[in-house]
Amino acid sequence: MAAASLWHYDERAMRRLGMLYHLLAFALLYGGVRWLAPGAEGRVAALLAGCLYLFSPTAVRTAGAVMPHSLFVLLSLAAVLLLGKLRETGRLACWWCAVAVAGLALCTLEVGLVLVATLAACCWLERKAYSRLGSAAVGALSGAIGRGPGGDGPAGVAGGAVEAIPAQKPACSWLT
């Protein structure tokens, strides 16, 4: 009985929290794009991306709704931005943070399996770079996912402690 008196469902507070998630997602999107693309062009791109998200019909309609989708969007944005930073810098910390955030997104909604599949696809596409890591866990993951179409076995794991994936040039010229 005492525990029931401590819990009070306040719908107004829940709706405000839903609006807070949208504002946090805007801030994350703006800051993440600025993090990925510094300079004047990055500022314009960040403002455009943030405003497109914040004023999209879906975000406007669901801003005051009581549902977990806003938190899922926030976590998914964080994971994708971390994957972008991993691709740009090759820092292993970005990979592990993206995996942790994708796990939180999966806990929020079951649609998070798509985000986990995205992480696996990124690992498969970058399997040669990941195979040079000194971490046995990432090397095993890249070996399990990174089997080529010809069945050429798992990628080898380099010895020693390597802290970063070597930065690579994008394959497409329009990404430069």
Foldseek 3Di string as FASTA:
>chain_A
DVVVVVDDDDLQVLLVVLLVLLVLLLVCQLVLQCVLPPDDVSNVVSVVVSCCSCPPPVNVVCSRPRALVSVLSSLLSQLVSLLSVCQAWQFVVSLVSSVVSLVVSCVRDVVSVVVVVVSLVSLQVCLVQQQAAQDPVSQVSSQVSPQDPVRPGGRHHHHDHDRGRPHDDDPDPVVD
